[in-house]
C-alpha atoms as a PDB file:
ATOM      1  CA  UNK A   1     -43.760 -51.220 -50.052  1.00  0.00           C
ATOM      2  CA  UNK A   2     -44.656 -47.972 -51.774  1.00  0.00           C
ATOM      3  CA  UNK A   3     -46.566 -45.368 -49.749  1.00  0.00           C
ATOM      4  CA  UNK A   4     -49.092 -43.615 -51.968  1.00  0.00           C
ATOM      5  CA  UNK A   5     -51.605 -40.933 -51.043  1.00  0.00           C
ATOM      6  CA  UNK A   6     -55.171 -41.371 -52.241  1.00  0.00           C
ATOM      7  CA  UNK A   7     -55.338 -37.654 -53.042  1.00  0.00           C
ATOM      8  CA  UNK A   8     -52.353 -37.988 -55.389  1.00  0.00           C
ATOM      9  CA  UNK A   9     -54.075 -40.812 -57.263  1.00  0.00           C
ATOM     10  CA  UNK A  10     -57.536 -39.277 -57.554  1.00  0.00           C
ATOM     11  CA  UNK A  11     -56.573 -35.604 -57.651  1.00  0.00           C
ATOM     12  CA  UNK A  12     -58.981 -34.426 -54.976  1.00  0.00           C
ATOM     13  CA  UNK A  13     -59.403 -34.321 -51.204  1.00  0.00           C
ATOM     14  CA  UNK A  14     -63.131 -35.010 -51.572  1.00  0.00           C
ATOM     15  CA  UNK A  15     -63.530 -38.699 -52.434  1.00  0.00           C
ATOM     16  CA  UNK A  16     -67.168 -39.038 -53.407  1.00  0.00           C
ATOM     17  CA  UNK A  17     -67.389 -39.709 -57.150  1.00  0.00           C
ATOM     18  CA  UNK A  18     -67.343 -42.868 -59.222  1.00  0.00           C
ATOM     19  CA  UNK A  19     -64.723 -41.200 -61.414  1.00  0.00           C
ATOM     20  CA  UNK A  20     -62.346 -40.798 -58.471  1.00  0.00           C
ATOM     21  CA  UNK A  21     -63.125 -44.340 -57.340  1.00  0.00           C
ATOM     22  CA  UNK A  22     -62.303 -45.692 -60.785  1.00  0.00           C
ATOM     23  CA  UNK A  23     -58.938 -43.893 -60.743  1.00  0.00           C
ATOM     24  CA  UNK A  24     -58.129 -45.563 -57.442  1.00  0.00           C
ATOM     25  CA  UNK A  25     -59.346 -48.944 -58.684  1.00  0.00           C
ATOM     26  CA  UNK A  26     -57.200 -48.741 -61.811  1.00  0.00           C
ATOM     27  CA  UNK A  27     -54.119 -47.772 -59.818  1.00  0.00           C
ATOM     28  CA  UNK A  28     -54.605 -50.539 -57.250  1.00  0.00           C
ATOM     29  CA  UNK A  29     -55.370 -53.234 -59.828  1.00  0.00           C
ATOM     30  CA  UNK A  30     -52.256 -52.371 -61.808  1.00  0.00           C
ATOM     31  CA  UNK A  31     -50.027 -52.489 -58.758  1.00  0.00           C
ATOM     32  CA  UNK A  32     -51.505 -55.587 -57.153  1.00  0.00           C
ATOM     33  CA  UNK A  33     -51.569 -57.570 -60.393  1.00  0.00           C
ATOM     34  CA  UNK A  34     -47.889 -56.703 -60.861  1.00  0.00           C
ATOM     35  CA  UNK A  35     -47.219 -57.884 -57.286  1.00  0.00           C
ATOM     36  CA  UNK A  36     -46.268 -54.441 -56.022  1.00  0.00           C
ATOM     37  CA  UNK A  37     -47.222 -53.764 -52.428  1.00  0.00           C
ATOM     38  CA  UNK A  38     -49.104 -50.538 -51.744  1.00  0.00           C
ATOM     39  CA  UNK A  39     -49.342 -48.660 -48.475  1.00  0.00           C
ATOM     40  CA  UNK A  40     -52.427 -46.577 -49.208  1.00  0.00           C
ATOM     41  CA  UNK A  41     -52.479 -43.316 -47.247  1.00  0.00           C
ATOM     42  CA  UNK A  42     -55.704 -41.387 -46.734  1.00  0.00           C
ATOM     43  CA  UNK A  43     -53.750 -38.406 -45.392  1.00  0.00           C
ATOM     44  CA  UNK A  44     -55.369 -35.165 -46.573  1.00  0.00           C
ATOM     45  CA  UNK A  45     -58.720 -36.735 -47.503  1.00  0.00           C
ATOM     46  CA  UNK A  46     -61.386 -34.359 -46.227  1.00  0.00           C
ATOM     47  CA  UNK A  47     -64.479 -36.310 -47.234  1.00  0.00           C
ATOM     48  CA  UNK A  48     -64.952 -39.964 -48.010  1.00  0.00           C
ATOM     49  CA  UNK A  49     -68.165 -41.851 -48.785  1.00  0.00           C
ATOM     50  CA  UNK A  50     -68.956 -45.523 -49.123  1.00  0.00           C
ATOM     51  CA  UNK A  51     -69.696 -45.216 -52.850  1.00  0.00           C
ATOM     52  CA  UNK A  52     -66.105 -44.130 -53.488  1.00  0.00           C
ATOM     53  CA  UNK A  53     -64.795 -47.036 -51.393  1.00  0.00           C
ATOM     54  CA  UNK A  54     -67.122 -49.501 -53.110  1.00  0.00           C
ATOM     55  CA  UNK A  55     -65.833 -48.473 -56.531  1.00  0.00           C
ATOM     56  CA  UNK A  56     -62.191 -47.892 -55.619  1.00  0.00           C
ATOM     57  CA  UNK A  57     -61.583 -50.826 -53.303  1.00  0.00           C
ATOM     58  CA  UNK A  58     -64.686 -53.036 -53.248  1.00  0.00           C
ATOM     59  CA  UNK A  59     -64.501 -53.775 -56.970  1.00  0.00           C
ATOM     60  CA  UNK A  60     -60.974 -55.124 -56.531  1.00  0.00           C
ATOM     61  CA  UNK A  61     -62.623 -58.250 -55.151  1.00  0.00           C
ATOM     62  CA  UNK A  62     -64.347 -58.853 -58.479  1.00  0.00           C
ATOM     63  CA  UNK A  63     -61.114 -59.220 -60.444  1.00  0.00           C
ATOM     64  CA  UNK A  64     -58.450 -60.101 -57.891  1.00  0.00           C
ATOM     65  CA  UNK A  65     -58.364 -62.818 -55.262  1.00  0.00           C
ATOM     66  CA  UNK A  66     -58.757 -61.847 -51.629  1.00  0.00           C
ATOM     67  CA  UNK A  67     -55.397 -63.305 -50.638  1.00  0.00           C
ATOM     68  CA  UNK A  68     -53.528 -61.301 -53.272  1.00  0.00           C
ATOM     69  CA  UNK A  69     -55.272 -58.105 -52.185  1.00  0.00           C
ATOM     70  CA  UNK A  70     -54.546 -58.709 -48.511  1.00  0.00           C
ATOM     71  CA  UNK A  71     -50.878 -59.487 -49.241  1.00  0.00           C
ATOM     72  CA  UNK A  72     -50.347 -56.340 -51.314  1.00  0.00           C
ATOM     73  CA  UNK A  73     -52.553 -53.607 -49.826  1.00  0.00           C
ATOM     74  CA  UNK A  74     -52.473 -51.841 -46.467  1.00  0.00           C
ATOM     75  CA  UNK A  75     -54.306 -48.734 -45.284  1.00  0.00           C
ATOM     76  CA  UNK A  76     -52.837 -45.921 -43.173  1.00  0.00           C
ATOM     77  CA  UNK A  77     -53.730 -42.394 -42.102  1.00  0.00           C
ATOM     78  CA  UNK A  78     -57.426 -43.186 -42.296  1.00  0.00           C
ATOM     79  CA  UNK A  79     -60.044 -41.868 -39.900  1.00  0.00           C
ATOM     80  CA  UNK A  80     -61.280 -44.504 -37.438  1.00  0.00           C
ATOM     81  CA  UNK A  81     -64.878 -44.276 -38.694  1.00  0.00           C
ATOM     82  CA  UNK A  82     -63.786 -44.487 -42.338  1.00  0.00           C
ATOM     83  CA  UNK A  83     -61.588 -47.508 -41.578  1.00  0.00           C
ATOM     84  CA  UNK A  84     -64.522 -49.175 -39.872  1.00  0.00           C
ATOM     85  CA  UNK A  85     -66.740 -48.428 -42.886  1.00  0.00           C
ATOM     86  CA  UNK A  86     -64.105 -49.953 -45.162  1.00  0.00           C
ATOM     87  CA  UNK A  87     -63.305 -53.047 -43.107  1.00  0.00           C
ATOM     88  CA  UNK A  88     -66.727 -53.799 -41.611  1.00  0.00           C
ATOM     89  CA  UNK A  89     -69.010 -52.880 -44.515  1.00  0.00           C
ATOM     90  CA  UNK A  90     -67.363 -52.273 -47.898  1.00  0.00           C
ATOM     91  CA  UNK A  91     -64.900 -55.171 -47.988  1.00  0.00           C
ATOM     92  CA  UNK A  92     -67.196 -57.850 -46.469  1.00  0.00           C
ATOM     93  CA  UNK A  93     -70.065 -56.773 -48.743  1.00  0.00           C
ATOM     94  CA  UNK A  94     -67.803 -56.849 -51.802  1.00  0.00           C
ATOM     95  CA  UNK A  95     -66.505 -60.299 -50.924  1.00  0.00           C
ATOM     96  CA  UNK A  96     -70.033 -61.615 -50.446  1.00  0.00           C
ATOM     97  CA  UNK A  97     -71.373 -59.926 -53.571  1.00  0.00           C
ATOM     98  CA  UNK A  98     -68.649 -61.175 -55.874  1.00  0.00           C
ATOM     99  CA  UNK A  99     -68.780 -64.741 -54.529  1.00  0.00           C
ATOM    100  CA  UNK A 100     -72.109 -65.118 -56.271  1.00  0.00           C
ATOM    101  CA  UNK A 101     -72.637 -62.014 -58.358  1.00  0.00           C
ATOM    102  CA  UNK A 102     -75.557 -63.480 -60.337  1.00  0.00           C
ATOM    103  CA  UNK A 103     -77.467 -64.249 -57.142  1.00  0.00           C
ATOM    104  CA  UNK A 104     -76.755 -60.759 -55.776  1.00  0.00           C
ATOM    105  CA  UNK A 105     -77.971 -59.174 -59.006  1.00  0.00           C
ATOM    106  CA  UNK A 106     -81.165 -61.251 -58.944  1.00  0.00           C
ATOM    107  CA  UNK A 107     -81.880 -60.180 -55.346  1.00  0.00           C
ATOM    108  CA  UNK A 108     -81.229 -56.548 -56.240  1.00  0.00           C
ATOM    109  CA  UNK A 109     -83.642 -56.735 -59.192  1.00  0.00           C
ATOM    110  CA  UNK A 110     -86.284 -58.341 -56.999  1.00  0.00           C
ATOM    111  CA  UNK A 111     -85.930 -55.699 -54.291  1.00  0.00           C
ATOM    112  CA  UNK A 112     -85.939 -52.806 -56.755  1.00  0.00           C
ATOM    113  CA  UNK A 113     -88.717 -54.296 -58.852  1.00  0.00           C
ATOM    114  CA  UNK A 114     -86.754 -54.291 -62.113  1.00  0.00           C
END
């Protein structure tokens, strides 16, 4: 299993942008789809927001099966609160959203009035 630092993938210690999230997503998709296990280290990350996690990790659940993700991706060196955000909010919400993406999009449009 390869240990990789988030900051080496995204090039910043402040993980808040979609751009940084997309870099992480691309890296993880490539590795997981090629059946390479990743030990993802958050060592050195100074700021982390849910938007970054939604893009970088949550979107994995759109293109890759849950079992494959869980077999090939582990998280280390992550703040307790950030790990809770990831495992209790981001991942469950992504799983639910991508189970029925059309329904989720319809609800979002209704709520936002679009």
